PDB file of N, CA and C in Angstrom:
ATOM      1  N   MET A   1      29.601  61.162 -82.565  1.00  0.00           N
ATOM      2  CA  MET A   1      29.925  59.785 -82.169  1.00  0.00           C
ATOM      3  C   MET A   1      29.669  59.930 -80.245  1.00  0.00           C
ATOM      4  N   ARG A   2      29.233  58.529 -80.422  1.00  0.00           N
ATOM      5  CA  ARG A   2      29.142  58.354 -78.494  1.00  0.00           C
ATOM      6  C   ARG A   2      29.917  58.009 -78.047  1.00  0.00           C
ATOM      7  N   PRO A   3      30.691  58.314 -76.608  1.00  0.00           N
ATOM      8  CA  PRO A   3      31.680  58.040 -76.089  1.00  0.00           C
ATOM      9  C   PRO A   3      31.020  56.466 -75.501  1.00  0.00           C
ATOM     10  N   SER A   4      32.368  56.008 -75.292  1.00  0.00           N
ATOM     11  CA  SER A   4      32.756  54.347 -74.942  1.00  0.00           C
ATOM     12  C   SER A   4      31.867  54.367 -73.383  1.00  0.00           C
ATOM     13  N   VAL A   5      31.250  53.709 -72.954  1.00  0.00           N
ATOM     14  CA  VAL A   5      30.997  53.217 -71.932  1.00  0.00           C
ATOM     15  C   VAL A   5      32.373  52.595 -70.864  1.00  0.00           C
ATOM     16  N   LEU A   6      32.849  51.532 -71.714  1.00  0.00           N
ATOM     17  CA  LEU A   6      34.283  51.321 -71.136  1.00  0.00           C
ATOM     18  C   LEU A   6      35.338  51.336 -72.394  1.00  0.00           C
ATOM     19  N   PRO A   7      36.458  51.744 -72.125  1.00  0.00           N
ATOM     20  CA  PRO A   7      37.446  52.393 -72.906  1.00  0.00           C
ATOM     21  C   PRO A   7      38.030  50.953 -73.810  1.00  0.00           C
ATOM     22  N   GLY A   8      38.264  51.088 -74.709  1.00  0.00           N
ATOM     23  CA  GLY A   8      38.662  49.596 -75.502  1.00  0.00           C
ATOM     24  C   GLY A   8      37.325  48.504 -75.819  1.00  0.00           C
ATOM     25  N   TYR A   9      36.349  49.096 -75.325  1.00  0.00           N
ATOM     26  CA  TYR A   9      34.809  47.811 -75.564  1.00  0.00           C
ATOM     27  C   TYR A   9      34.044  48.099 -76.993  1.00  0.00           C
ATOM     28  N   THR A  10      33.984  47.191 -77.437  1.00  0.00           N
ATOM     29  CA  THR A  10      33.763  47.381 -78.754  1.00  0.00           C
ATOM     30  C   THR A  10      32.243  46.430 -78.605  1.00  0.00           C
ATOM     31  N   PRO A  11      31.458  47.344 -79.130  1.00  0.00           N
ATOM     32  CA  PRO A  11      30.173  46.833 -79.532  1.00  0.00           C
ATOM     33  C   PRO A  11      29.740  45.519 -80.192  1.00  0.00           C
ATOM     34  N   VAL A  12      29.040  44.962 -79.721  1.00  0.00           N
ATOM     35  CA  VAL A  12      28.547  43.595 -79.915  1.00  0.00           C
ATOM     36  C   VAL A  12      27.271  43.907 -80.565  1.00  0.00           C
ATOM     37  N   VAL A  13      27.194  42.927 -81.795  1.00  0.00           N
ATOM     38  CA  VAL A  13      26.423  42.541 -82.772  1.00  0.00           C
ATOM     39  C   VAL A  13      25.718  41.343 -82.211  1.00  0.00           C
ATOM     40  N   LYS A  14      24.429  41.401 -82.727  1.00  0.00           N
ATOM     41  CA  LYS A  14      23.280  40.189 -82.108  1.00  0.00           C
ATOM     42  C   LYS A  14      23.380  39.350 -83.296  1.00  0.00           C
ATOM     43  N   THR A  15      22.882  38.575 -83.715  1.00  0.00           N
ATOM     44  CA  THR A  15      22.806  37.505 -84.726  1.00  0.00           C
ATOM     45  C   THR A  15      22.250  36.136 -84.535  1.00  0.00           C
ATOM     46  N   ALA A  16      21.157  35.685 -85.198  1.00  0.00           N
ATOM     47  CA  ALA A  16      20.764  34.589 -85.066  1.00  0.00           C
ATOM     48  C   ALA A  16      21.246  33.473 -86.124  1.00  0.00           C
ATOM     49  N   ILE A  17      21.620  32.442 -86.012  1.00  0.00           N
ATOM     50  CA  ILE A  17      22.325  31.228 -86.886  1.00  0.00           C
ATOM     51  C   ILE A  17      21.973  29.979 -86.905  1.00  0.00           C
ATOM     52  N   SER A  18      21.494  29.060 -87.450  1.00  0.00           N
ATOM     53  CA  SER A  18      21.365  27.799 -87.740  1.00  0.00           C
ATOM     54  C   SER A  18      21.974  26.823 -87.834  1.00  0.00           C
ATOM     55  N   VAL A  19      22.159  25.913 -86.842  1.00  0.00           N
ATOM     56  CA  VAL A  19      23.588  25.031 -86.987  1.00  0.00           C
ATOM     57  C   VAL A  19      22.576  23.463 -86.835  1.00  0.00           C
ATOM     58  N   PRO A  20      23.226  22.662 -87.195  1.00  0.00           N
ATOM     59  CA  PRO A  20      23.204  21.009 -87.138  1.00  0.00           C
ATOM     60  C   PRO A  20      22.881  20.756 -85.789  1.00  0.00           C
ATOM     61  N   ASP A  21      21.790  19.831 -85.451  1.00  0.00           N
ATOM     62  CA  ASP A  21      22.075  19.495 -83.411  1.00  0.00           C
ATOM     63  C   ASP A  21      23.518  19.038 -83.378  1.00  0.00           C
ATOM     64  N   GLY A  22      23.685  18.215 -84.196  1.00  0.00           N
ATOM     65  CA  GLY A  22      25.205  17.747 -83.637  1.00  0.00           C
ATOM     66  C   GLY A  22      26.386  18.605 -83.170  1.00  0.00           C
ATOM     67  N   ILE A  23      26.227  19.682 -84.345  1.00  0.00           N
ATOM     68  CA  ILE A  23      27.353  20.768 -84.224  1.00  0.00           C
ATOM     69  C   ILE A  23      26.978  21.571 -83.328  1.00  0.00           C
ATOM     70  N   TYR A  24      25.846  22.086 -82.871  1.00  0.00           N
ATOM     71  CA  TYR A  24      25.542  22.822 -81.780  1.00  0.00           C
ATOM     72  C   TYR A  24      25.820  21.961 -80.181  1.00  0.00           C
ATOM     73  N   THR A  25      25.453  20.750 -80.443  1.00  0.00           N
ATOM     74  CA  THR A  25      25.863  19.813 -79.030  1.00  0.00           C
ATOM     75  C   THR A  25      27.644  19.926 -78.987  1.00  0.00           C
ATOM     76  N   ARG A  26      28.120  19.409 -80.093  1.00  0.00           N
ATOM     77  CA  ARG A  26      29.282  19.594 -79.876  1.00  0.00           C
ATOM     78  C   ARG A  26      30.174  20.800 -79.487  1.00  0.00           C
ATOM     79  N   ALA A  27      29.743  21.626 -80.111  1.00  0.00           N
ATOM     80  CA  ALA A  27      29.845  23.208 -79.657  1.00  0.00           C
ATOM     81  C   ALA A  27      30.134  23.637 -78.436  1.00  0.00           C
ATOM     82  N   GLU A  28      28.561  23.103 -77.493  1.00  0.00           N
ATOM     83  CA  GLU A  28      28.404  23.593 -76.281  1.00  0.00           C
ATOM     84  C   GLU A  28      29.225  22.687 -75.491  1.00  0.00           C
ATOM     85  N   ARG A  29      29.628  21.802 -75.637  1.00  0.00           N
ATOM     86  CA  ARG A  29      30.533  20.875 -74.691  1.00  0.00           C
ATOM     87  C   ARG A  29      31.886  21.468 -74.903  1.00  0.00           C
ATOM     88  N   VAL A  30      32.076  21.611 -76.052  1.00  0.00           N
ATOM     89  CA  VAL A  30      33.674  22.140 -76.109  1.00  0.00           C
ATOM     90  C   VAL A  30      33.887  23.453 -75.417  1.00  0.00           C
ATOM     91  N   ALA A  31      33.179  24.044 -75.451  1.00  0.00           N
ATOM     92  CA  ALA A  31      32.925  25.629 -75.339  1.00  0.00           C
ATOM     93  C   ALA A  31      32.814  25.776 -73.545  1.00  0.00           C
ATOM     94  N   LYS A  32      32.141  24.735 -72.962  1.00  0.00           N
ATOM     95  CA  LYS A  32      31.941  24.842 -71.784  1.00  0.00           C
ATOM     96  C   LYS A  32      32.953  23.885 -70.909  1.00  0.00           C
ATOM     97  N   LYS A  33      34.009  23.122 -71.561  1.00  0.00           N
ATOM     98  CA  LYS A  33      35.217  22.460 -71.079  1.00  0.00           C
ATOM     99  C   LYS A  33      36.072  23.652 -71.022  1.00  0.00           C
ATOM    100  N   HIS A  34      36.073  24.420 -71.850  1.00  0.00           N
ATOM    101  CA  HIS A  34      36.959  25.484 -71.906  1.00  0.00           C
ATOM    102  C   HIS A  34      36.806  26.527 -71.074  1.00  0.00           C
ATOM    103  N   GLY A  35      35.523  26.904 -70.289  1.00  0.00           N
ATOM    104  CA  GLY A  35      35.010  27.774 -69.627  1.00  0.00           C
ATOM    105  C   GLY A  35      34.794  29.025 -70.385  1.00  0.00           C
ATOM    106  N   MET A  36      34.293  28.675 -71.931  1.00  0.00           N
ATOM    107  CA  MET A  36      33.864  29.820 -72.899  1.00  0.00           C
ATOM    108  C   MET A  36      32.396  29.655 -72.807  1.00  0.00           C
ATOM    109  N   ASN A  37      31.646  30.707 -73.140  1.00  0.00           N
ATOM    110  CA  ASN A  37      30.196  30.988 -73.214  1.00  0.00           C
ATOM    111  C   ASN A  37      30.024  30.370 -74.883  1.00  0.00           C
ATOM    112  N   ARG A  38      28.745  30.505 -75.279  1.00  0.00           N
ATOM    113  CA  ARG A  38      28.458  30.175 -75.904  1.00  0.00           C
ATOM    114  C   ARG A  38      28.692  31.285 -77.446  1.00  0.00           C
ATOM    115  N   SER A  39      28.526  32.495 -76.910  1.00  0.00           N
ATOM    116  CA  SER A  39      29.149  33.493 -77.819  1.00  0.00           C
ATOM    117  C   SER A  39      30.459  33.754 -77.959  1.00  0.00           C
ATOM    118  N   GLN A  40      31.051  33.613 -77.357  1.00  0.00           N
ATOM    119  CA  GLN A  40      32.601  33.477 -77.166  1.00  0.00           C
ATOM    120  C   GLN A  40      32.958  32.351 -78.154  1.00  0.00           C
ATOM    121  N   PHE A  41      32.530  31.335 -78.069  1.00  0.00           N
ATOM    122  CA  PHE A  41      33.069  30.192 -78.898  1.00  0.00           C
ATOM    123  C   PHE A  41      32.514  30.552 -80.047  1.00  0.00           C
ATOM    124  N   TYR A  42      31.487  30.749 -80.473  1.00  0.00           N
ATOM    125  CA  TYR A  42      31.286  31.102 -82.008  1.00  0.00           C
ATOM    126  C   TYR A  42      32.107  32.067 -82.636  1.00  0.00           C
ATOM    127  N   ALA A  43      31.804  33.143 -81.517  1.00  0.00           N
ATOM    128  CA  ALA A  43      32.960  34.308 -82.391  1.00  0.00           C
ATOM    129  C   ALA A  43      34.264  33.344 -82.464  1.00  0.00           C
ATOM    130  N   ALA A  44      35.020  32.883 -81.504  1.00  0.00           N
ATOM    131  CA  ALA A  44      36.361  32.383 -82.101  1.00  0.00           C
ATOM    132  C   ALA A  44      36.461  31.619 -83.321  1.00  0.00           C
ATOM    133  N   ALA A  45      35.335  30.541 -83.263  1.00  0.00           N
ATOM    134  CA  ALA A  45      35.446  29.563 -84.141  1.00  0.00           C
ATOM    135  C   ALA A  45      35.539  30.672 -85.342  1.00  0.00           C
ATOM    136  N   ALA A  46      34.211  31.522 -85.600  1.00  0.00           N
ATOM    137  CA  ALA A  46      33.918  32.576 -86.960  1.00  0.00           C
ATOM    138  C   ALA A  46      35.589  33.226 -87.676  1.00  0.00           C
ATOM    139  N   ASP A  47      36.221  33.676 -86.139  1.00  0.00           N
ATOM    140  CA  ASP A  47      37.213  34.257 -86.438  1.00  0.00           C
ATOM    141  C   ASP A  47      38.501  33.470 -87.131  1.00  0.00           C
ATOM    142  N   ARG A  48      38.570  32.571 -86.717  1.00  0.00           N
ATOM    143  CA  ARG A  48      39.555  31.311 -86.988  1.00  0.00           C
ATOM    144  C   ARG A  48      39.122  31.282 -88.106  1.00  0.00           C
ATOM    145  N   TYR A  49      38.013  30.650 -88.407  1.00  0.00           N
ATOM    146  CA  TYR A  49      37.749  30.716 -89.822  1.00  0.00           C
ATOM    147  C   TYR A  49      38.032  31.666 -91.380  1.00  0.00           C
ATOM    148  N   ALA A  50      37.762  32.627 -90.201  1.00  0.00           N
ATOM    149  CA  ALA A  50      37.874  34.018 -91.613  1.00  0.00           C
ATOM    150  C   ALA A  50      39.373  33.641 -91.778  1.00  0.00           C
ATOM    151  N   ASP A  51      40.362  33.564 -91.117  1.00  0.00           N
ATOM    152  CA  ASP A  51      41.775  33.808 -90.840  1.00  0.00           C
ATOM    153  C   ASP A  51      41.895  32.670 -92.091  1.00  0.00           C
ATOM    154  N   GLU A  52      41.486  31.400 -91.847  1.00  0.00           N
ATOM    155  CA  GLU A  52      42.056  30.295 -92.434  1.00  0.00           C
ATOM    156  C   GLU A  52      41.643  30.809 -94.186  1.00  0.00           C
ATOM    157  N   LEU A  53      40.061  30.878 -94.169  1.00  0.00           N
ATOM    158  CA  LEU A  53      39.921  31.165 -95.712  1.00  0.00           C
ATOM    159  C   LEU A  53      40.576  32.618 -96.234  1.00  0.00           C
ATOM    160  N   GLU A  54      40.822  33.354 -95.502  1.00  0.00           N
ATOM    161  CA  GLU A  54      41.951  34.601 -96.202  1.00  0.00           C
ATOM    162  C   GLU A  54      43.375  34.035 -96.656  1.00  0.00           C
ATOM    163  N   SER A  55      43.710  33.371 -95.599  1.00  0.00           N
ATOM    164  CA  SER A  55      45.275  32.586 -95.903  1.00  0.00           C
ATOM    165  C   SER A  55      45.163  32.120 -97.212  1.00  0.00           C
ATOM    166  N   ALA A  56      43.947  31.435 -97.139  1.00  0.00           N
ATOM    167  CA  ALA A  56      44.009  30.618 -98.131  1.00  0.00           C
ATOM    168  C   ALA A  56      43.623  31.561 -99.693  1.00  0.00           C
ATOM    169  N   ASP A  57      43.173  32.509 -99.748  1.00  0.00           N
ATOM    170  CA  ASP A  57      42.781  33.709-100.439  1.00  0.00           C
ATOM    171  C   ASP A  57      43.982  34.082-100.968  1.00  0.00           C
ATOM    172  N   LEU A  58      45.047  34.227-100.028  1.00  0.00           N
ATOM    173  CA  LEU A  58      46.579  34.816-100.038  1.00  0.00           C
ATOM    174  C   LEU A  58      47.293  34.058-100.900  1.00  0.00           C
ATOM    175  N   THR A  59      47.280  32.723-100.261  1.00  0.00           N
ATOM    176  CA  THR A  59      48.025  31.498-101.099  1.00  0.00           C
ATOM    177  C   THR A  59      47.835  31.349-102.288  1.00  0.00           C
ATOM    178  N   GLU A  60      46.631  31.255-102.853  1.00  0.00           N
ATOM    179  CA  GLU A  60      45.820  31.480-104.314  1.00  0.00           C
ATOM    180  C   GLU A  60      46.708  31.989-105.100  1.00  0.00           C
ATOM    181  N   SER A  61      46.696  33.738-104.665  1.00  0.00           N
ATOM    182  CA  SER A  61      47.149  34.842-105.217  1.00  0.00           C
ATOM    183  C   SER A  61      48.519  34.742-105.593  1.00  0.00           C
ATOM    184  N   ILE A  62      49.373  34.255-104.336  1.00  0.00           N
ATOM    185  CA  ILE A  62      50.590  34.173-104.898  1.00  0.00           C
ATOM    186  C   ILE A  62      50.982  33.084-105.735  1.00  0.00           C
ATOM    187  N   ASN A  63      50.046  31.883-105.669  1.00  0.00           N
ATOM    188  CA  ASN A  63      50.348  31.322-106.376  1.00  0.00           C
ATOM    189  C   ASN A  63      50.108  31.524-108.187  1.00  0.00           C
ATOM    190  N   VAL A  64      49.042  32.403-107.932  1.00  0.00           N
ATOM    191  CA  VAL A  64      49.054  32.907-109.524  1.00  0.00           C
ATOM    192  C   VAL A  64      50.187  33.881-110.185  1.00  0.00           C
ATOM    193  N   VAL A  65      50.449  33.935-108.951  1.00  0.00           N
ATOM    194  CA  VAL A  65      51.928  35.083-109.631  1.00  0.00           C
ATOM    195  C   VAL A  65      52.935  34.271-110.196  1.00  0.00           C
ATOM    196  N   VAL A  66      53.135  33.275-109.230  1.00  0.00           N
ATOM    197  CA  VAL A  66      54.299  32.203-109.300  1.00  0.00           C
ATOM    198  C   VAL A  66      54.346  31.505-110.618  1.00  0.00           C
ATOM    199  N   ASP A  67      53.026  31.413-110.537  1.00  0.00           N
ATOM    200  CA  ASP A  67      52.916  30.660-112.108  1.00  0.00           C
ATOM    201  C   ASP A  67      52.753  31.186-113.473  1.00  0.00           C
ATOM    202  N   ALA A  68      52.370  32.372-113.480  1.00  0.00           N
ATOM    203  CA  ALA A  68      52.627  33.257-114.515  1.00  0.00           C
ATOM    204  C   ALA A  68      54.114  33.644-114.511  1.00  0.00           C
ATOM    205  N   SER A  69      54.815  33.641-113.716  1.00  0.00           N
ATOM    206  CA  SER A  69      56.163  34.462-113.909  1.00  0.00           C
ATOM    207  C   SER A  69      57.213  33.169-114.320  1.00  0.00           C
ATOM    208  N   ASN A  70      56.693  31.911-113.759  1.00  0.00           N
ATOM    209  CA  ASN A  70      57.316  30.950-113.984  1.00  0.00           C
ATOM    210  C   ASN A  70      56.995  30.301-115.707  1.00  0.00           C
ATOM    211  N   ALA A  71      55.712  30.983-116.297  1.00  0.00           N
ATOM    212  CA  ALA A  71      55.282  30.707-117.711  1.00  0.00           C
ATOM    213  C   ALA A  71      56.324  31.282-118.552  1.00  0.00           C
ATOM    214  N   HIS A  72      56.951  32.459-118.130  1.00  0.00           N
ATOM    215  CA  HIS A  72      57.942  33.356-119.218  1.00  0.00           C
ATOM    216  C   HIS A  72      58.905  32.513-119.261  1.00  0.00           C
ATOM    217  N   ALA A  73      59.541  32.285-121.249  1.00  0.00           N
ATOM    218  CA  ALA A  73      60.594  31.713-120.907  1.00  0.00           C
ATOM    219  C   ALA A  73      61.729  32.030-120.620  1.00  0.00           C
ATOM    220  N   SER A  74      61.792  33.221-120.328  1.00  0.00           N
ATOM    221  CA  SER A  74      63.089  33.704-119.916  1.00  0.00           C
ATOM    222  C   SER A  74      63.561  33.455-117.961  1.00  0.00           C
ATOM    223  N   THR A  75      62.422  32.982-117.705  1.00  0.00           N
ATOM    224  CA  THR A  75      62.189  32.411-115.790  1.00  0.00           C
ATOM    225  C   THR A  75      63.479  31.662-115.882  1.00  0.00           C
ATOM    226  N   SER A  76      63.559  30.497-116.540  1.00  0.00           N
ATOM    227  CA  SER A  76      64.110  29.162-115.935  1.00  0.00           C
ATOM    228  C   SER A  76      65.806  29.985-116.553  1.00  0.00           C
ATOM    229  N   PHE A  77      66.042  30.616-117.625  1.00  0.00           N
ATOM    230  CA  PHE A  77      67.153  31.183-118.099  1.00  0.00           C
ATOM    231  C   PHE A  77      67.529  32.290-116.344  1.00  0.00           C
ATOM    232  N   ALA A  78      66.980  33.046-116.075  1.00  0.00           N
ATOM    233  CA  ALA A  78      67.270  33.373-115.114  1.00  0.00           C
ATOM    234  C   ALA A  78      67.581  33.216-113.849  1.00  0.00           C
ATOM    235  N   VAL A  79      66.829  31.989-113.082  1.00  0.00           N
ATOM    236  CA  VAL A  79      67.014  31.290-112.354  1.00  0.00           C
ATOM    237  C   VAL A  79      68.408  30.564-112.196  1.00  0.00           C
ATOM    238  N   ALA A  80      68.760  29.780-113.997  1.00  0.00           N
ATOM    239  CA  ALA A  80      70.084  28.964-113.961  1.00  0.00           C
ATOM    240  C   ALA A  80      70.900  29.809-113.547  1.00  0.00           C
ATOM    241  N   VAL A  81      71.185  31.154-114.041  1.00  0.00           N
ATOM    242  CA  VAL A  81      72.153  32.290-113.912  1.00  0.00           C
ATOM    243  C   VAL A  81      72.073  32.724-112.615  1.00  0.00           C
ATOM    244  N   GLY A  82      71.314  32.912-111.732  1.00  0.00           N
ATOM    245  CA  GLY A  82      71.380  33.083-110.536  1.00  0.00           C
ATOM    246  C   GLY A  82      71.947  31.883-109.817  1.00  0.00           C
ATOM    247  N   ARG A  83      71.424  31.179-110.105  1.00  0.00           N
ATOM    248  CA  ARG A  83      72.123  29.899-109.149  1.00  0.00           C
ATOM    249  C   ARG A  83      73.474  29.672-109.734  1.00  0.00           C
ATOM    250  N   ARG A  84      74.030  29.640-110.941  1.00  0.00           N
ATOM    251  CA  ARG A  84      75.230  29.817-111.281  1.00  0.00           C
ATOM    252  C   ARG A  84      75.914  30.898-110.126  1.00  0.00           C
ATOM    253  N   VAL A  85      75.942  32.170-109.852  1.00  0.00           N
ATOM    254  CA  VAL A  85      76.245  33.228-109.503  1.00  0.00           C
ATOM    255  C   VAL A  85      76.456  32.980-108.103  1.00  0.00           C
ATOM    256  N   LEU A  86      75.050  32.599-107.427  1.00  0.00           N
ATOM    257  CA  LEU A  86      75.091  32.048-106.097  1.00  0.00           C
ATOM    258  C   LEU A  86      76.092  30.764-105.866  1.00  0.00           C
ATOM    259  N   GLY A  87      76.270  30.165-106.800  1.00  0.00           N
ATOM    260  CA  GLY A  87      77.242  28.675-106.577  1.00  0.00           C
ATOM    261  C   GLY A  87      78.208  29.211-106.253  1.00  0.00           C
ATOM    262  N   GLY A  88      79.346  30.133-107.249  1.00  0.00           N
ATOM    263  CA  GLY A  88      80.459  30.507-106.749  1.00  0.00           C
ATOM    264  C   GLY A  88      80.716  31.599-105.678  1.00  0.00           C
ATOM    265  N   ALA A  89      79.136  32.281-104.854  1.00  0.00           N
ATOM    266  CA  ALA A  89      79.599  33.424-104.228  1.00  0.00           C
ATOM    267  C   ALA A  89      80.105  32.723-102.491  1.00  0.00           C
ATOM    268  N   ASP A  90      80.638  33.534-102.140  1.00  0.00           N
ATOM    269  CA  ASP A  90      81.118  33.586-100.904  1.00  0.00           C
ATOM    270  C   ASP A  90      79.739  33.240 -99.890  1.00  0.00           C
ATOM    271  N   GLU A  91      79.915  31.845 -99.233  1.00  0.00           N
ATOM    272  CA  GLU A  91      78.823  31.871 -98.172  1.00  0.00           C
ATOM    273  C   GLU A  91      78.635  33.037 -97.050  1.00  0.00           C
ATOM    274  N   GLY A  92      79.296  33.389 -96.589  1.00  0.00           N
ATOM    275  CA  GLY A  92      79.377  34.079 -95.812  1.00  0.00           C
ATOM    276  C   GLY A  92      78.752  35.922 -96.127  1.00  0.00           C
ATOM    277  N   TRP A  93      77.935  35.697 -97.357  1.00  0.00           N
ATOM    278  CA  TRP A  93      77.456  37.423 -97.297  1.00  0.00           C
ATOM    279  C   TRP A  93      76.060  37.856 -96.784  1.00  0.00           C
TER     280      TRP A  93
END
Protein backbone atom coordinates (compact mmCIF):
# COMPACT_ATOMS: atom_id res chain seq x y z
CA MET A 1 0.00 0.00 0.00
CA ARG A 2 1.34 3.40 -1.00
CA PRO A 3 1.55 6.02 1.76
CA SER A 4 -0.85 8.93 1.33
CA VAL A 5 0.65 12.28 0.38
CA LEU A 6 -1.96 14.09 2.44
CA PRO A 7 -3.24 12.33 5.57
CA GLY A 8 -6.95 11.63 5.22
CA TYR A 9 -6.91 12.43 1.51
CA THR A 10 -9.18 10.24 -0.59
CA PRO A 11 -7.98 9.50 -4.12
CA VAL A 12 -10.18 10.88 -6.85
CA VAL A 13 -11.58 8.87 -9.74
CA LYS A 14 -12.04 10.80 -12.96
CA THR A 15 -15.10 10.03 -15.04
CA ALA A 16 -16.97 11.46 -17.98
CA ILE A 17 -20.73 11.82 -17.96
CA SER A 18 -23.30 13.11 -20.43
CA VAL A 19 -26.03 15.48 -19.27
CA PRO A 20 -28.57 17.51 -21.21
CA ASP A 21 -27.53 21.11 -21.94
CA GLY A 22 -30.17 22.58 -19.64
CA ILE A 23 -29.04 20.51 -16.65
CA TYR A 24 -25.39 21.34 -17.35
CA THR A 25 -26.13 25.07 -17.52
CA ARG A 26 -28.19 24.98 -14.35
CA ALA A 27 -25.56 22.92 -12.49
CA GLU A 28 -22.81 25.34 -13.54
CA ARG A 29 -24.86 28.34 -12.37
CA VAL A 30 -25.80 26.80 -9.01
CA ALA A 31 -22.27 25.50 -8.36
CA LYS A 32 -20.78 28.92 -9.07
CA LYS A 33 -23.36 30.65 -6.85
CA HIS A 34 -22.37 28.39 -3.96
CA GLY A 35 -18.62 28.61 -4.50
CA MET A 36 -18.26 25.04 -5.75
CA ASN A 37 -16.36 23.76 -8.72
CA ARG A 38 -18.03 21.35 -11.14
CA SER A 39 -16.49 18.26 -9.54
CA GLN A 40 -17.60 19.27 -6.06
CA PHE A 41 -21.12 19.94 -7.30
CA TYR A 42 -21.55 16.64 -9.13
CA ALA A 43 -19.95 14.68 -6.28
CA ALA A 44 -22.31 16.28 -3.74
CA ALA A 45 -25.31 15.71 -6.03
CA ALA A 46 -24.42 12.06 -6.60
CA ASP A 47 -23.87 11.49 -2.87
CA ARG A 48 -27.19 13.10 -1.96
CA TYR A 49 -29.09 11.14 -4.62
CA ALA A 50 -27.46 7.86 -3.55
CA ASP A 51 -28.55 8.59 0.05
CA GLU A 52 -32.09 9.25 -1.16
CA LEU A 53 -32.24 5.99 -3.14
CA GLU A 54 -30.77 3.94 -0.30
CA SER A 55 -33.26 5.48 2.11
CA ALA A 56 -36.10 4.53 -0.25
CA ASP A 57 -34.71 0.98 -0.43
CA LEU A 58 -34.65 0.77 3.38
CA THR A 59 -38.20 2.14 3.64
CA GLU A 60 -39.41 -0.43 1.11
CA SER A 61 -37.71 -3.24 3.06
CA ILE A 62 -39.33 -2.09 6.30
CA ASN A 63 -42.73 -1.87 4.57
CA VAL A 64 -42.38 -5.44 3.30
CA VAL A 65 -41.71 -6.70 6.83
CA VAL A 66 -44.56 -4.67 8.32
CA ASP A 67 -46.97 -5.87 5.63
CA ALA A 68 -45.93 -9.48 6.19
CA SER A 69 -46.34 -9.24 9.95
CA ASN A 70 -49.70 -7.48 9.65
CA ALA A 71 -50.97 -10.21 7.33
CA HIS A 72 -50.89 -12.79 10.11
CA ALA A 73 -54.26 -13.18 11.89
CA SER A 74 -52.73 -13.08 15.36
CA THR A 75 -51.20 -9.65 14.80
CA SER A 76 -54.44 -7.69 15.27
CA PHE A 77 -55.19 -9.73 18.40
CA ALA A 78 -51.72 -9.00 19.83
CA VAL A 79 -52.05 -5.29 19.07
CA ALA A 80 -55.48 -5.16 20.76
CA VAL A 81 -54.15 -6.91 23.88
CA GLY A 82 -51.11 -4.63 23.94
CA ARG A 83 -53.31 -1.55 23.77
CA ARG A 84 -55.52 -2.86 26.57
CA VAL A 85 -52.50 -3.58 28.77
CA LEU A 86 -50.82 -0.27 28.03
CA GLY A 87 -54.11 1.60 28.39
CA GLY A 88 -54.22 0.60 32.05
CA ALA A 89 -50.49 1.16 32.63
CA ASP A 90 -49.11 3.97 34.71
CA GLU A 91 -48.08 6.84 32.39
CA GLY A 92 -44.83 7.29 34.34
CA TRP A 93 -43.19 4.03 33.23
